[in-house]
Amino acid sequence: ALALAAQTGLENVTVTGEVPSFYGHVVFINSEQGEYVVKFSRQAGRLASEVNALNRLRPHSVLPMPEILFHGLVASEQGDLDTLLMPRLSGVPAWELPELLPNPQQTAQRIVEQMLAWHAVSDIRGFEHADGSFTAEFLPAFESWTRPLQQFIAANHSPFSAELRAAYAKLWDERE
C-alpha cells in the first residue's frame, strides 16, 4: 500500500488501519493530500467488475461514491494482486457504528432511498453478464458474475476451510 501510494504521488504516507476481508484486504492510509483506501483482491478480475459497477451506479447514487484513482496489478509476496486506490469517504465504517444508532429512522430512510435509486437502474436489453452481453433471464446473468467467485472459493488454494468450501458448494448447488 505504501509503495503504491508513493508511486501515485502521495506524500508522507502512513497506514492508519487494515481490514482483512472475504475478498482480499483493505488498507487505510493518510497522506499530505488526504485519506485514501487501498483495496487488494485475492481473486483476479474481481476489482474490475467493482470498478465497472461503481462507474455505472455513481450517476444514480444519492450517497457519495468514491472515484477510482488507480486500478491495476501490484506485485506482492503472494504474487500480483488486483488493486484499487480511492479516496476515503467521510463517515463511520459499519463495524464502528454504535449498537443503538442516534437516529435509526433517518439512517433507515437513507439506506432505502439509496437501494431504491440503485435498483431503479435497468437496461432494456435485460440482465448484464460479466462479459458485457445481456439476457432476459436473471439466473444466467447472476451465475456469470458469481461463478468466478464460486470457483475461487472452491479451489484447494483458497483461504477458506474445507468446511466453508463445502457449505458454499451446497449453497451454489441449491441456487435455483
Protein backbone atom coordinates (compact mmCIF):
# COMPACT_ATOMS: atom_id res chain seq x y z
CA ALA A 1 0.00 0.00 0.00
CA LEU A 2 2.81 2.39 0.88
CA ALA A 3 4.68 1.66 -2.36
CA LEU A 4 1.55 2.23 -4.44
CA ALA A 5 0.82 5.47 -2.59
CA ALA A 6 4.34 6.74 -3.29
CA GLN A 7 4.11 5.60 -6.91
CA THR A 8 0.91 7.62 -7.39
CA GLY A 9 2.42 10.78 -5.91
CA LEU A 10 1.06 10.73 -2.39
CA GLU A 11 3.48 12.20 0.13
CA ASN A 12 4.24 11.48 3.81
CA VAL A 13 2.04 8.40 3.84
CA THR A 14 1.15 6.46 6.98
CA VAL A 15 -1.01 3.40 7.43
CA THR A 16 -3.91 4.14 9.77
CA GLY A 17 -5.71 0.81 9.65
CA GLU A 18 -6.15 -2.54 7.95
CA VAL A 19 -9.16 -4.77 7.47
CA PRO A 20 -8.86 -8.31 6.11
CA SER A 21 -11.97 -9.17 4.14
CA PHE A 22 -13.67 -12.04 2.39
CA TYR A 23 -12.34 -10.97 -1.00
CA GLY A 24 -8.97 -9.57 -0.02
CA HIS A 25 -7.50 -6.87 2.17
CA VAL A 26 -8.17 -3.16 2.71
CA VAL A 27 -5.54 -0.69 3.94
CA PHE A 28 -6.40 2.83 5.11
CA ILE A 29 -3.71 5.45 4.60
CA ASN A 30 -3.21 9.14 5.36
CA SER A 31 -1.04 11.47 3.34
CA GLU A 32 -0.48 15.18 2.91
CA GLN A 33 -3.11 15.04 0.16
CA GLY A 34 -5.79 13.37 2.31
CA GLU A 35 -7.14 10.00 3.39
CA TYR A 36 -7.22 7.04 1.00
CA VAL A 37 -8.19 3.39 0.76
CA VAL A 38 -6.06 0.72 -0.92
CA LYS A 39 -8.01 -2.43 -1.70
CA PHE A 40 -6.29 -5.68 -2.67
CA SER A 41 -8.22 -8.61 -4.13
CA ARG A 42 -7.37 -12.29 -3.78
CA GLN A 43 -9.45 -13.04 -6.87
CA ALA A 44 -8.16 -11.90 -10.27
CA GLY A 45 -10.64 -9.70 -12.12
CA ARG A 46 -12.90 -9.09 -9.13
CA LEU A 47 -11.99 -5.43 -8.79
CA ALA A 48 -12.56 -4.75 -12.49
CA SER A 49 -16.22 -5.65 -12.01
CA GLU A 50 -16.29 -3.41 -8.91
CA VAL A 51 -14.86 -0.51 -10.93
CA ASN A 52 -17.49 -1.08 -13.64
CA ALA A 53 -20.28 -1.21 -11.05
CA LEU A 54 -19.08 1.96 -9.30
CA ASN A 55 -18.91 3.82 -12.61
CA ARG A 56 -22.33 2.55 -13.69
CA LEU A 57 -24.09 3.30 -10.40
CA ARG A 58 -22.36 6.56 -9.39
CA PRO A 59 -24.64 8.79 -11.54
CA HIS A 60 -27.69 7.24 -9.84
CA SER A 61 -26.38 7.37 -6.27
CA VAL A 62 -27.91 9.60 -3.63
CA LEU A 63 -24.89 8.96 -1.37
CA PRO A 64 -21.23 9.73 -2.16
CA MET A 65 -19.31 7.04 -4.02
CA PRO A 66 -15.52 7.00 -4.41
CA GLU A 67 -13.68 7.81 -7.62
CA ILE A 68 -11.09 5.24 -8.67
CA LEU A 69 -7.62 6.83 -8.71
CA PHE A 70 -5.73 3.65 -9.62
CA HIS A 71 -6.73 0.18 -10.76
CA GLY A 72 -4.10 -2.36 -11.72
CA LEU A 73 -1.80 -5.13 -10.61
CA VAL A 74 0.64 -4.58 -7.74
CA ALA A 75 3.45 -7.03 -7.02
CA SER A 76 3.42 -8.68 -3.60
CA GLU A 77 4.91 -11.66 -1.80
CA GLN A 78 1.78 -13.61 -2.81
CA GLY A 79 2.17 -12.62 -6.48
CA ASP A 80 0.47 -9.86 -8.41
CA LEU A 81 -2.65 -8.55 -6.66
CA ASP A 82 -5.52 -6.74 -8.33
CA THR A 83 -5.54 -3.36 -6.55
CA LEU A 84 -7.63 -0.19 -6.22
CA LEU A 85 -6.68 3.19 -4.79
CA MET A 86 -9.50 5.57 -4.00
CA PRO A 87 -10.19 8.47 -1.65
CA ARG A 88 -11.66 7.51 1.69
CA LEU A 89 -15.19 8.79 2.06
CA SER A 90 -16.13 10.65 5.22
CA GLY A 91 -18.30 8.87 7.72
CA VAL A 92 -18.20 5.97 10.13
CA PRO A 93 -17.30 2.45 9.00
CA ALA A 94 -20.10 -0.06 9.51
CA TRP A 95 -18.03 -2.02 12.05
CA GLU A 96 -17.70 1.12 14.21
CA LEU A 97 -21.39 2.04 14.32
CA PRO A 98 -22.86 2.20 17.82
CA GLU A 99 -25.24 -0.59 18.74
CA LEU A 100 -28.00 1.98 19.10
CA LEU A 101 -27.95 4.50 16.26
CA PRO A 102 -28.68 8.11 17.27
CA ASN A 103 -31.38 8.41 14.58
CA PRO A 104 -32.25 4.93 13.28
CA GLN A 105 -35.28 6.04 11.25
CA GLN A 106 -33.26 8.64 9.34
CA THR A 107 -30.49 6.09 8.72
CA ALA A 108 -33.01 3.51 7.51
CA GLN A 109 -34.64 6.09 5.23
CA ARG A 110 -31.29 6.99 3.63
CA ILE A 111 -30.48 3.31 3.06
CA VAL A 112 -33.89 2.69 1.49
CA GLU A 113 -33.51 5.77 -0.75
CA GLN A 114 -30.11 4.54 -1.90
CA MET A 115 -31.27 0.99 -2.56
CA LEU A 116 -34.31 2.25 -4.50
CA ALA A 117 -32.09 4.51 -6.62
CA TRP A 118 -29.68 1.69 -7.46
CA HIS A 119 -32.40 -0.87 -8.09
CA ALA A 120 -34.19 1.56 -10.42
CA VAL A 121 -31.22 1.33 -12.80
CA SER A 122 -32.11 -1.06 -15.58
CA ASP A 123 -31.29 -1.75 -19.18
CA ILE A 124 -33.80 -2.51 -21.92
CA ARG A 125 -31.51 -5.32 -23.08
CA GLY A 126 -32.14 -7.24 -19.83
CA PHE A 127 -29.65 -8.53 -17.27
CA GLU A 128 -25.97 -7.90 -17.91
CA HIS A 129 -23.43 -10.74 -17.91
CA ALA A 130 -19.85 -10.31 -16.73
CA ASP A 131 -18.69 -10.30 -20.38
CA GLY A 132 -20.94 -7.35 -21.22
CA SER A 133 -23.62 -9.36 -23.04
CA PHE A 134 -27.26 -9.34 -21.93
CA THR A 135 -30.04 -11.87 -21.39
CA ALA A 136 -33.69 -11.69 -20.42
CA GLU A 137 -33.17 -14.23 -17.61
CA PHE A 138 -31.71 -13.27 -14.25
CA LEU A 139 -30.10 -16.59 -13.20
CA PRO A 140 -27.64 -16.92 -16.12
CA ALA A 141 -26.51 -13.32 -15.59
CA PHE A 142 -26.16 -13.87 -11.83
CA GLU A 143 -24.12 -17.01 -12.48
CA SER A 144 -21.80 -15.22 -14.90
CA TRP A 145 -20.90 -12.71 -12.19
CA THR A 146 -20.68 -15.15 -9.30
CA ARG A 147 -19.20 -18.26 -10.96
CA PRO A 148 -15.60 -16.91 -10.74
CA LEU A 149 -16.15 -16.28 -7.02
CA GLN A 150 -17.57 -19.76 -6.56
CA GLN A 151 -14.57 -21.27 -8.37
CA PHE A 152 -12.16 -19.23 -6.26
CA ILE A 153 -13.81 -20.34 -3.02
CA ALA A 154 -13.92 -23.99 -4.12
CA ALA A 155 -10.23 -24.12 -5.09
CA ASN A 156 -7.95 -26.02 -2.71
CA HIS A 157 -5.60 -23.00 -2.56
CA SER A 158 -8.38 -20.62 -1.43
CA PRO A 159 -8.05 -19.20 2.10
CA PHE A 160 -11.25 -20.93 3.20
CA SER A 161 -11.52 -24.11 5.25
CA ALA A 162 -12.78 -27.34 3.70
CA GLU A 163 -15.93 -26.95 5.81
CA LEU A 164 -16.65 -23.45 4.45
CA ARG A 165 -15.88 -24.55 0.88
CA ALA A 166 -18.34 -27.46 1.27
CA ALA A 167 -21.04 -25.18 2.73
CA TYR A 168 -20.67 -22.71 -0.12
CA ALA A 169 -20.72 -25.54 -2.70
CA LYS A 170 -24.02 -26.70 -1.21
CA LEU A 171 -25.47 -23.18 -1.48
CA TRP A 172 -24.28 -22.94 -5.08
CA ASP A 173 -25.88 -26.28 -5.96
CA GLU A 174 -29.19 -25.13 -4.42
CA ARG A 175 -29.27 -21.69 -6.09
CA GLU A 176 -32.18 -22.46 -8.41
